[in-house]
C-alpha atoms as a PDB file:
ATOM      1  CA  MET A   1       4.015  12.946  12.405  1.00  0.00           C
ATOM      2  CA  ASN A   2       2.398  15.278  14.937  1.00  0.00           C
ATOM      3  CA  ALA A   3      -0.261  14.423  17.528  1.00  0.00           C
ATOM      4  CA  LEU A   4      -3.100  15.841  15.397  1.00  0.00           C
ATOM      5  CA  THR A   5      -2.156  13.657  12.442  1.00  0.00           C
ATOM      6  CA  GLY A   6      -2.047  10.639  14.746  1.00  0.00           C
ATOM      7  CA  ALA A   7      -5.505  11.491  16.065  1.00  0.00           C
ATOM      8  CA  TYR A   8      -6.852  11.683  12.513  1.00  0.00           C
ATOM      9  CA  MET A   9      -5.344   8.283  11.762  1.00  0.00           C
ATOM     10  CA  ALA A  10      -7.076   6.714  14.771  1.00  0.00           C
ATOM     11  CA  THR A  11     -10.400   8.394  14.006  1.00  0.00           C
ATOM     12  CA  VAL A  12     -10.514   7.324  10.372  1.00  0.00           C
ATOM     13  CA  THR A  13      -9.850   3.729  11.427  1.00  0.00           C
ATOM     14  CA  ALA A  14     -12.753   3.960  13.884  1.00  0.00           C
ATOM     15  CA  ALA A  15     -14.969   5.357  11.101  1.00  0.00           C
ATOM     16  CA  VAL A  16     -14.228   2.292   8.950  1.00  0.00           C
ATOM     17  CA  LEU A  17     -15.295   0.009  11.807  1.00  0.00           C
ATOM     18  CA  VAL A  18     -18.498   2.022  12.304  1.00  0.00           C
ATOM     19  CA  GLY A  19     -19.337   1.604   8.625  1.00  0.00           C
ATOM     20  CA  ALA A  20     -18.748  -2.146   8.853  1.00  0.00           C
ATOM     21  CA  SER A  21     -21.088  -2.351  11.847  1.00  0.00           C
ATOM     22  CA  LEU A  22     -23.780  -0.422   9.991  1.00  0.00           C
ATOM     23  CA  ASN A  23     -23.503  -2.820   7.069  1.00  0.00           C
ATOM     24  CA  ARG A  24     -24.093  -5.827   9.317  1.00  0.00           C
ATOM     25  CA  LEU A  25     -27.049  -4.083  10.963  1.00  0.00           C
ATOM     26  CA  LEU A  26     -28.692  -3.284   7.619  1.00  0.00           C
ATOM     27  CA  GLY A  27     -28.175  -6.874   6.506  1.00  0.00           C
ATOM     28  CA  ARG A  28     -30.705  -8.009   9.127  1.00  0.00           C
ATOM     29  CA  TRP A  29     -33.551  -5.992   7.614  1.00  0.00           C
ATOM     30  CA  PRO A  30     -35.840  -7.681   5.050  1.00  0.00           C
ATOM     31  CA  GLY A  31     -35.251  -6.294   1.569  1.00  0.00           C
ATOM     32  CA  ALA A  32     -32.210  -4.330   2.710  1.00  0.00           C
ATOM     33  CA  ALA A  33     -29.899  -5.829   0.075  1.00  0.00           C
ATOM     34  CA  ARG A  34     -31.421  -3.793  -2.767  1.00  0.00           C
ATOM     35  CA  HIS A  35     -31.250  -0.563  -0.824  1.00  0.00           C
ATOM     36  CA  ALA A  36     -27.702  -1.308   0.288  1.00  0.00           C
ATOM     37  CA  THR A  37     -26.768  -1.718  -3.381  1.00  0.00           C
ATOM     38  CA  ALA A  38     -28.428   1.600  -4.223  1.00  0.00           C
ATOM     39  CA  PHE A  39     -26.638   3.330  -1.340  1.00  0.00           C
ATOM     40  CA  SER A  40     -23.338   1.835  -2.506  1.00  0.00           C
ATOM     41  CA  ALA A  41     -23.934   3.124  -6.029  1.00  0.00           C
ATOM     42  CA  GLY A  42     -24.612   6.632  -4.723  1.00  0.00           C
ATOM     43  CA  VAL A  43     -21.510   6.656  -2.526  1.00  0.00           C
ATOM     44  CA  MET A  44     -19.159   5.341  -5.215  1.00  0.00           C
ATOM     45  CA  LEU A  45     -20.562   7.720  -7.815  1.00  0.00           C
ATOM     46  CA  ALA A  46     -20.011  10.658  -5.465  1.00  0.00           C
ATOM     47  CA  VAL A  47     -16.455   9.500  -4.714  1.00  0.00           C
ATOM     48  CA  CYS A  48     -15.732   9.696  -8.453  1.00  0.00           C
ATOM     49  CA  LEU A  49     -17.496  12.948  -9.301  1.00  0.00           C
ATOM     50  CA  LEU A  50     -16.845  14.939  -6.115  1.00  0.00           C
ATOM     51  CA  TYR A  51     -13.463  13.682  -4.958  1.00  0.00           C
ATOM     52  CA  LEU A  52     -11.318  11.788  -7.431  1.00  0.00           C
ATOM     53  CA  ILE A  53     -11.938  13.769 -10.620  1.00  0.00           C
ATOM     54  CA  PRO A  54     -11.712  17.283  -9.085  1.00  0.00           C
ATOM     55  CA  ASP A  55      -8.719  16.310  -6.949  1.00  0.00           C
ATOM     56  CA  ALA A  56      -6.975  14.743  -9.940  1.00  0.00           C
ATOM     57  CA  LEU A  57      -7.383  18.050 -11.770  1.00  0.00           C
ATOM     58  CA  ALA A  58      -6.009  19.898  -8.755  1.00  0.00           C
ATOM     59  CA  PHE A  59      -2.907  17.700  -8.675  1.00  0.00           C
ATOM     60  CA  GLN A  60      -2.520  18.051 -12.444  1.00  0.00           C
ATOM     61  CA  HIS A  61      -2.407  21.818 -11.966  1.00  0.00           C
ATOM     62  CA  GLY A  62       0.122  21.550  -9.155  1.00  0.00           C
ATOM     63  CA  ILE A  63      -2.332  22.318  -6.338  1.00  0.00           C
ATOM     64  CA  SER A  64      -2.003  19.389  -3.954  1.00  0.00           C
ATOM     65  CA  VAL A  65      -3.752  21.281  -1.139  1.00  0.00           C
ATOM     66  CA  PRO A  66      -6.280  24.150  -1.310  1.00  0.00           C
ATOM     67  CA  ARG A  67      -4.806  27.644  -1.127  1.00  0.00           C
ATOM     68  CA  PRO A  68      -6.230  31.160  -1.483  1.00  0.00           C
ATOM     69  CA  GLY A  69      -6.652  32.302  -5.064  1.00  0.00           C
ATOM     70  CA  ALA A  70      -6.305  28.794  -6.511  1.00  0.00           C
ATOM     71  CA  PRO A  71      -8.929  27.439  -8.930  1.00  0.00           C
ATOM     72  CA  ASP A  72     -11.899  25.845  -7.199  1.00  0.00           C
ATOM     73  CA  HIS A  73     -11.812  22.330  -8.609  1.00  0.00           C
ATOM     74  CA  ALA A  74     -14.567  21.180  -6.238  1.00  0.00           C
ATOM     75  CA  SER A  75     -17.027  23.301  -8.230  1.00  0.00           C
ATOM     76  CA  LEU A  76     -16.306  21.099 -11.261  1.00  0.00           C
ATOM     77  CA  GLY A  77     -17.379  18.106  -9.204  1.00  0.00           C
ATOM     78  CA  TYR A  78     -20.683  19.777  -8.341  1.00  0.00           C
ATOM     79  CA  ALA A  79     -21.276  20.593 -12.010  1.00  0.00           C
ATOM     80  CA  LEU A  80     -20.489  17.009 -13.035  1.00  0.00           C
ATOM     81  CA  SER A  81     -22.859  15.737 -10.352  1.00  0.00           C
ATOM     82  CA  LEU A  82     -25.667  18.065 -11.393  1.00  0.00           C
ATOM     83  CA  GLY A  83     -25.405  16.980 -15.025  1.00  0.00           C
ATOM     84  CA  PHE A  84     -25.260  13.272 -14.202  1.00  0.00           C
ATOM     85  CA  LEU A  85     -28.087  13.234 -11.663  1.00  0.00           C
ATOM     86  CA  SER A  86     -30.319  15.525 -13.726  1.00  0.00           C
ATOM     87  CA  LEU A  87     -30.193  13.249 -16.761  1.00  0.00           C
ATOM     88  CA  LEU A  88     -30.564  10.137 -14.612  1.00  0.00           C
ATOM     89  CA  THR A  89     -33.693  11.588 -12.985  1.00  0.00           C
ATOM     90  CA  ILE A  90     -35.178  12.638 -16.334  1.00  0.00           C
ATOM     91  CA  GLU A  91     -34.594   9.180 -17.801  1.00  0.00           C
ATOM     92  CA  ARG A  92     -36.290   7.525 -14.848  1.00  0.00           C
ATOM     93  CA  SER A  93     -39.264   9.897 -15.044  1.00  0.00           C
ATOM     94  CA  LEU A  94     -39.863  10.084 -18.786  1.00  0.00           C
ATOM     95  CA  LEU A  95     -38.236   7.029 -20.355  1.00  0.00           C
ATOM     96  CA  ARG A  96     -39.206   4.343 -17.847  1.00  0.00           C
ATOM     97  CA  VAL A  97     -39.426   0.864 -19.314  1.00  0.00           C
ATOM     98  CA  HIS A  98     -42.814  -0.823 -18.796  1.00  0.00           C
ATOM     99  CA  GLU A  99     -41.648  -4.078 -17.277  1.00  0.00           C
ATOM    100  CA  HIS A 100     -45.091  -5.579 -16.706  1.00  0.00           C
ATOM    101  CA  GLY A 101     -46.472  -5.196 -20.219  1.00  0.00           C
ATOM    102  CA  PRO A 102     -47.181  -8.114 -22.573  1.00  0.00           C
ATOM    103  CA  VAL A 103     -44.186 -10.002 -23.847  1.00  0.00           C
ATOM    104  CA  ALA A 104     -43.461  -9.150 -27.469  1.00  0.00           C
ATOM    105  CA  THR A 105     -43.941 -11.848 -30.108  1.00  0.00           C
ATOM    106  CA  GLY A 106     -40.788 -13.896 -30.463  1.00  0.00           C
ATOM    107  CA  ALA A 107     -39.362 -12.524 -27.227  1.00  0.00           C
ATOM    108  CA  HIS A 108     -36.817 -14.722 -25.505  1.00  0.00           C
ATOM    109  CA  SER A 109     -38.029 -16.441 -22.344  1.00  0.00           C
ATOM    110  CA  CYS A 110     -35.559 -18.536 -20.400  1.00  0.00           C
ATOM    111  CA  GLN A 111     -38.304 -20.197 -18.388  1.00  0.00           C
ATOM    112  CA  ALA A 112     -40.352 -21.175 -21.472  1.00  0.00           C
ATOM    113  CA  HIS A 113     -37.594 -22.263 -23.852  1.00  0.00           C
ATOM    114  CA  HIS A 114     -34.774 -23.699 -21.768  1.00  0.00           C
ATOM    115  CA  GLU A 115     -34.203 -26.619 -19.494  1.00  0.00           C
ATOM    116  CA  PRO A 116     -32.967 -26.166 -15.886  1.00  0.00           C
ATOM    117  CA  PRO A 117     -29.262 -26.490 -16.863  1.00  0.00           C
ATOM    118  CA  HIS A 118     -29.637 -23.181 -18.713  1.00  0.00           C
ATOM    119  CA  HIS A 119     -30.626 -21.509 -15.459  1.00  0.00           C
ATOM    120  CA  HIS A 120     -27.636 -23.034 -13.725  1.00  0.00           C
ATOM    121  CA  GLN A 121     -25.400 -21.605 -16.444  1.00  0.00           C
ATOM    122  CA  HIS A 122     -26.913 -18.140 -15.927  1.00  0.00           C
ATOM    123  CA  ASP A 123     -26.406 -18.440 -12.172  1.00  0.00           C
ATOM    124  CA  ALA A 124     -22.758 -19.436 -12.606  1.00  0.00           C
ATOM    125  CA  LEU A 125     -22.059 -16.538 -14.959  1.00  0.00           C
ATOM    126  CA  ARG A 126     -23.784 -14.085 -12.617  1.00  0.00           C
ATOM    127  CA  THR A 127     -21.794 -15.366  -9.634  1.00  0.00           C
ATOM    128  CA  ALA A 128     -18.512 -15.037 -11.528  1.00  0.00           C
ATOM    129  CA  ARG A 129     -19.410 -11.503 -12.613  1.00  0.00           C
ATOM    130  CA  GLU A 130     -20.353 -10.423  -9.089  1.00  0.00           C
ATOM    131  CA  LEU A 131     -17.112 -11.852  -7.734  1.00  0.00           C
ATOM    132  CA  GLY A 132     -15.087  -9.906 -10.296  1.00  0.00           C
ATOM    133  CA  ILE A 133     -16.964  -6.714  -9.412  1.00  0.00           C
ATOM    134  CA  ALA A 134     -16.314  -7.322  -5.714  1.00  0.00           C
ATOM    135  CA  TRP A 135     -12.539  -7.637  -5.969  1.00  0.00           C
ATOM    136  CA  SER A 136     -12.306  -4.788  -8.469  1.00  0.00           C
ATOM    137  CA  THR A 137     -14.126  -2.626  -5.940  1.00  0.00           C
ATOM    138  CA  VAL A 138     -11.681  -3.639  -3.204  1.00  0.00           C
ATOM    139  CA  LEU A 139      -8.742  -2.579  -5.363  1.00  0.00           C
ATOM    140  CA  ALA A 140     -10.300   0.733  -6.400  1.00  0.00           C
ATOM    141  CA  LEU A 141     -11.430   1.722  -2.893  1.00  0.00           C
ATOM    142  CA  CYS A 142      -8.067   0.797  -1.364  1.00  0.00           C
ATOM    143  CA  LEU A 143      -6.302   3.022  -3.882  1.00  0.00           C
ATOM    144  CA  HIS A 144      -8.772   5.768  -3.068  1.00  0.00           C
ATOM    145  CA  GLY A 145      -8.006   5.194   0.614  1.00  0.00           C
ATOM    146  CA  LEU A 146      -4.333   5.929  -0.058  1.00  0.00           C
ATOM    147  CA  PHE A 147      -5.291   9.323  -1.482  1.00  0.00           C
ATOM    148  CA  ASP A 148      -7.503   9.963   1.540  1.00  0.00           C
ATOM    149  CA  GLY A 149      -4.388   9.395   3.614  1.00  0.00           C
ATOM    150  CA  VAL A 150      -2.548  12.076   1.648  1.00  0.00           C
ATOM    151  CA  ALA A 151      -5.418  14.490   2.337  1.00  0.00           C
ATOM    152  CA  LEU A 152      -5.476  13.644   6.044  1.00  0.00           C
ATOM    153  CA  TYR A 153      -1.727  14.134   6.301  1.00  0.00           C
ATOM    154  CA  ALA A 154      -2.179  17.588   4.793  1.00  0.00           C
ATOM    155  CA  ALA A 155      -4.974  18.264   7.289  1.00  0.00           C
ATOM    156  CA  GLY A 156      -2.685  17.322  10.167  1.00  0.00           C
ATOM    157  CA  VAL A 157       0.054  19.758   9.187  1.00  0.00           C
ATOM    158  CA  MET A 158      -2.276  22.663   8.311  1.00  0.00           C
ATOM    159  CA  PRO A 159      -4.324  23.547  11.420  1.00  0.00           C
ATOM    160  CA  ALA A 160      -6.203  26.343   9.627  1.00  0.00           C
ATOM    161  CA  MET A 161      -7.910  23.979   7.173  1.00  0.00           C
ATOM    162  CA  GLY A 162      -7.273  20.642   8.852  1.00  0.00           C
ATOM    163  CA  PRO A 163     -10.449  20.013  10.899  1.00  0.00           C
ATOM    164  CA  ALA A 164     -12.874  20.638   8.031  1.00  0.00           C
ATOM    165  CA  LEU A 165     -10.892  18.490   5.613  1.00  0.00           C
ATOM    166  CA  ALA A 166     -10.520  15.727   8.200  1.00  0.00           C
ATOM    167  CA  VAL A 167     -14.263  15.698   8.940  1.00  0.00           C
ATOM    168  CA  ALA A 168     -14.979  15.344   5.219  1.00  0.00           C
ATOM    169  CA  VAL A 169     -12.638  12.371   4.817  1.00  0.00           C
ATOM    170  CA  ILE A 170     -13.745  10.652   8.027  1.00  0.00           C
ATOM    171  CA  LEU A 171     -17.457  11.086   7.277  1.00  0.00           C
ATOM    172  CA  HIS A 172     -17.303   9.385   3.917  1.00  0.00           C
ATOM    173  CA  LYS A 173     -15.153   6.573   5.320  1.00  0.00           C
ATOM    174  CA  VAL A 174     -18.221   5.312   7.209  1.00  0.00           C
ATOM    175  CA  SER A 175     -20.279   4.959   4.041  1.00  0.00           C
ATOM    176  CA  GLU A 176     -17.374   3.628   1.971  1.00  0.00           C
ATOM    177  CA  SER A 177     -16.634   0.758   4.330  1.00  0.00           C
ATOM    178  CA  ALA A 178     -20.323  -0.199   4.365  1.00  0.00           C
ATOM    179  CA  THR A 179     -20.257  -0.091   0.563  1.00  0.00           C
ATOM    180  CA  LEU A 180     -17.194  -2.332   0.428  1.00  0.00           C
ATOM    181  CA  LEU A 181     -18.782  -5.038   2.560  1.00  0.00           C
ATOM    182  CA  THR A 182     -22.052  -4.845   0.605  1.00  0.00           C
ATOM    183  CA  VAL A 183     -20.320  -5.463  -2.724  1.00  0.00           C
ATOM    184  CA  LEU A 184     -18.225  -8.297  -1.289  1.00  0.00           C
ATOM    185  CA  GLN A 185     -21.326  -9.941   0.161  1.00  0.00           C
ATOM    186  CA  ARG A 186     -23.108  -9.669  -3.197  1.00  0.00           C
ATOM    187  CA  GLY A 187     -20.108 -11.382  -4.796  1.00  0.00           C
ATOM    188  CA  GLY A 188     -20.462 -14.365  -2.477  1.00  0.00           C
ATOM    189  CA  VAL A 189     -17.122 -13.712  -0.788  1.00  0.00           C
ATOM    190  CA  PRO A 190     -16.991 -15.655   2.515  1.00  0.00           C
ATOM    191  CA  TRP A 191     -16.814 -13.678   5.743  1.00  0.00           C
ATOM    192  CA  PRO A 192     -13.111 -14.384   6.567  1.00  0.00           C
ATOM    193  CA  ARG A 193     -12.083 -12.927   3.202  1.00  0.00           C
ATOM    194  CA  ARG A 194     -14.484 -10.005   3.598  1.00  0.00           C
ATOM    195  CA  GLU A 195     -12.884  -9.333   6.971  1.00  0.00           C
ATOM    196  CA  MET A 196      -9.403  -9.437   5.450  1.00  0.00           C
ATOM    197  CA  ALA A 197     -10.446  -7.063   2.654  1.00  0.00           C
ATOM    198  CA  LEU A 198     -11.883  -4.678   5.254  1.00  0.00           C
ATOM    199  CA  LEU A 199      -8.616  -4.735   7.199  1.00  0.00           C
ATOM    200  CA  VAL A 200      -6.633  -3.960   4.035  1.00  0.00           C
ATOM    201  CA  TYR A 201      -9.018  -1.104   3.240  1.00  0.00           C
ATOM    202  CA  ALA A 202      -8.774   0.202   6.815  1.00  0.00           C
ATOM    203  CA  ALA A 203      -4.979   0.156   6.583  1.00  0.00           C
ATOM    204  CA  ALA A 204      -4.877   1.984   3.238  1.00  0.00           C
ATOM    205  CA  THR A 205      -5.573   5.465   4.627  1.00  0.00           C
ATOM    206  CA  PRO A 206      -3.033   5.275   7.484  1.00  0.00           C
ATOM    207  CA  LEU A 207      -0.488   3.954   4.975  1.00  0.00           C
ATOM    208  CA  GLY A 208      -1.313   6.882   2.718  1.00  0.00           C
ATOM    209  CA  MET A 209      -0.673   9.238   5.607  1.00  0.00           C
ATOM    210  CA  LEU A 210       2.679   7.623   6.361  1.00  0.00           C
ATOM    211  CA  ALA A 211       3.687   7.751   2.700  1.00  0.00           C
ATOM    212  CA  ALA A 212       2.312  11.240   2.020  1.00  0.00           C
ATOM    213  CA  ALA A 213       5.536  13.094   2.702  1.00  0.00           C
ATOM    214  CA  ARG A 214       7.335  11.058   0.037  1.00  0.00           C
ATOM    215  CA  LEU A 215       4.464  10.228  -2.313  1.00  0.00           C
ATOM    216  CA  LEU A 216       4.473  13.525  -4.166  1.00  0.00           C
ATOM    217  CA  ARG A 217       8.239  13.406  -4.633  1.00  0.00           C
ATOM    218  CA  LEU A 218       8.105   9.790  -5.763  1.00  0.00           C
ATOM    219  CA  LEU A 219       5.366  10.159  -8.379  1.00  0.00           C
ATOM    220  CA  SER A 220       5.215  13.922  -8.896  1.00  0.00           C
ATOM    221  CA  GLU A 221       1.869  15.679  -8.625  1.00  0.00           C
ATOM    222  CA  GLN A 222       1.119  14.907 -12.285  1.00  0.00           C
ATOM    223  CA  GLY A 223       1.770  11.207 -11.647  1.00  0.00           C
ATOM    224  CA  VAL A 224      -0.596  11.226  -8.668  1.00  0.00           C
ATOM    225  CA  SER A 225      -3.167  12.983 -10.842  1.00  0.00           C
ATOM    226  CA  LEU A 226      -3.027  10.279 -13.505  1.00  0.00           C
ATOM    227  CA  LEU A 227      -3.325   7.511 -10.919  1.00  0.00           C
ATOM    228  CA  MET A 228      -6.343   9.219  -9.331  1.00  0.00           C
ATOM    229  CA  ALA A 229      -7.969   9.530 -12.761  1.00  0.00           C
ATOM    230  CA  PHE A 230      -7.342   5.803 -13.349  1.00  0.00           C
ATOM    231  CA  VAL A 231      -9.074   4.942 -10.062  1.00  0.00           C
ATOM    232  CA  ALA A 232     -11.980   7.255 -10.952  1.00  0.00           C
ATOM    233  CA  GLY A 233     -12.415   5.541 -14.305  1.00  0.00           C
ATOM    234  CA  SER A 234     -12.464   2.079 -12.750  1.00  0.00           C
ATOM    235  CA  LEU A 235     -15.038   3.113 -10.138  1.00  0.00           C
ATOM    236  CA  LEU A 236     -17.234   4.775 -12.760  1.00  0.00           C
ATOM    237  CA  HIS A 237     -17.248   1.529 -14.735  1.00  0.00           C
ATOM    238  CA  LEU A 238     -18.305  -0.450 -11.663  1.00  0.00           C
ATOM    239  CA  VAL A 239     -21.055   2.022 -10.777  1.00  0.00           C
ATOM    240  CA  THR A 240     -22.563   2.746 -14.195  1.00  0.00           C
ATOM    241  CA  GLY A 241     -22.079  -0.725 -15.637  1.00  0.00           C
ATOM    242  CA  HIS A 242     -23.229  -2.814 -12.680  1.00  0.00           C
ATOM    243  CA  LEU A 243     -24.467  -1.183  -9.459  1.00  0.00           C
ATOM    244  CA  LEU A 244     -26.502   1.697 -10.875  1.00  0.00           C
ATOM    245  CA  PRO A 245     -28.624  -0.357 -13.323  1.00  0.00           C
ATOM    246  CA  GLU A 246     -29.466  -2.929 -10.680  1.00  0.00           C
ATOM    247  CA  ALA A 247     -30.313  -0.276  -8.110  1.00  0.00           C
ATOM    248  CA  THR A 248     -32.669   1.688 -10.374  1.00  0.00           C
ATOM    249  CA  GLU A 249     -34.122  -0.530 -13.085  1.00  0.00           C
ATOM    250  CA  HIS A 250     -35.239  -3.836 -11.585  1.00  0.00           C
ATOM    251  CA  GLY A 251     -38.114  -4.826  -9.364  1.00  0.00           C
ATOM    252  CA  GLY A 252     -41.478  -3.185  -8.791  1.00  0.00           C
ATOM    253  CA  SER A 253     -41.991   0.532  -9.228  1.00  0.00           C
ATOM    254  CA  GLY A 254     -42.259   1.142  -5.475  1.00  0.00           C
ATOM    255  CA  SER A 255     -39.050  -0.749  -4.770  1.00  0.00           C
ATOM    256  CA  ARG A 256     -37.317   1.064  -7.625  1.00  0.00           C
ATOM    257  CA  SER A 257     -38.400   4.484  -6.364  1.00  0.00           C
ATOM    258  CA  GLY A 258     -37.294   3.674  -2.831  1.00  0.00           C
ATOM    259  CA  ALA A 259     -33.915   2.463  -4.052  1.00  0.00           C
ATOM    260  CA  PHE A 260     -33.439   5.638  -6.077  1.00  0.00           C
ATOM    261  CA  VAL A 261     -34.116   7.765  -2.993  1.00  0.00           C
ATOM    262  CA  VAL A 262     -31.548   5.725  -1.055  1.00  0.00           C
ATOM    263  CA  LEU A 263     -29.066   6.185  -3.920  1.00  0.00           C
ATOM    264  CA  LEU A 264     -29.537   9.954  -3.726  1.00  0.00           C
ATOM    265  CA  GLY A 265     -29.139   9.777   0.052  1.00  0.00           C
ATOM    266  CA  GLY A 266     -25.766   8.068  -0.293  1.00  0.00           C
ATOM    267  CA  PHE A 267     -24.693  10.613  -2.894  1.00  0.00           C
ATOM    268  CA  PHE A 268     -25.728  13.676  -0.896  1.00  0.00           C
ATOM    269  CA  LEU A 269     -24.063  12.363   2.246  1.00  0.00           C
ATOM    270  CA  LEU A 270     -20.779  12.802   0.392  1.00  0.00           C
ATOM    271  CA  VAL A 271     -21.915  16.190  -0.920  1.00  0.00           C
ATOM    272  CA  VAL A 272     -22.170  17.275   2.716  1.00  0.00           C
ATOM    273  CA  ALA A 273     -18.748  15.808   3.416  1.00  0.00           C
ATOM    274  CA  ARG A 274     -17.235  17.695   0.492  1.00  0.00           C
ATOM    275  CA  LEU A 275     -18.868  20.949   1.587  1.00  0.00           C
ATOM    276  CA  LEU A 276     -17.476  20.488   5.078  1.00  0.00           C
ATOM    277  CA  GLY A 277     -14.055  19.886   3.604  1.00  0.00           C
ATOM    278  CA  ALA A 278     -14.259  23.144   1.676  1.00  0.00           C
ATOM    279  CA  GLY A 279     -15.278  25.098   4.762  1.00  0.00           C
END
């Protein structure tokens, strides 16, 4: 491993710590939890559409690193993103549910028809669901971190393209680590375990760099592609099934609009990172 690769390893670890610090800072602001969830949804969605899916296709086609004349798989990520965000924006603008209208006849009301134990049951189920989401996110982001390590290793041995690719990976590490802590906090995971999960996530990318030279031979590029697609599918489930609805559909209209803007901000931060990586 050369000196440049070692410098990338140190910098990406620092980026994870910066993201963790930002998460703790945002946690002190009133009402920041909702916006942190929205930001997390935007970041994780962008990881899937801009990184994992296009890169899985690149590995499937035997293109582990960009080279002149090779298909531009990143453009597929931009097309996927445009389609997803366009429809999401249209649905929010034209098909918005009127939450404050009169309750329909026969509608179910927990407060009117159930005793307090029913609320406790709902709370227990919600807590269990959030905890499952939290640890699923840890697993998916750590696997993604391994692939980031492969990319950074490639950046370290290819000076012509290395800096741009390294900046892209390091930049989105800041937002990813903040996302990880946000989801763990929502799941009620105590701080010592959140800290341990952060350390495992921080170690994933350096481990990916150390294993990169043998990873492709061990799994083959097609095997790496399938594993990346598996990670993308798991993250898409977490985002679309849990984080995205909560970030865009609940609360007052002003809060919802603000959260949607934050979601887009998290997404376009990774767009910038991907563009830098293609430079």
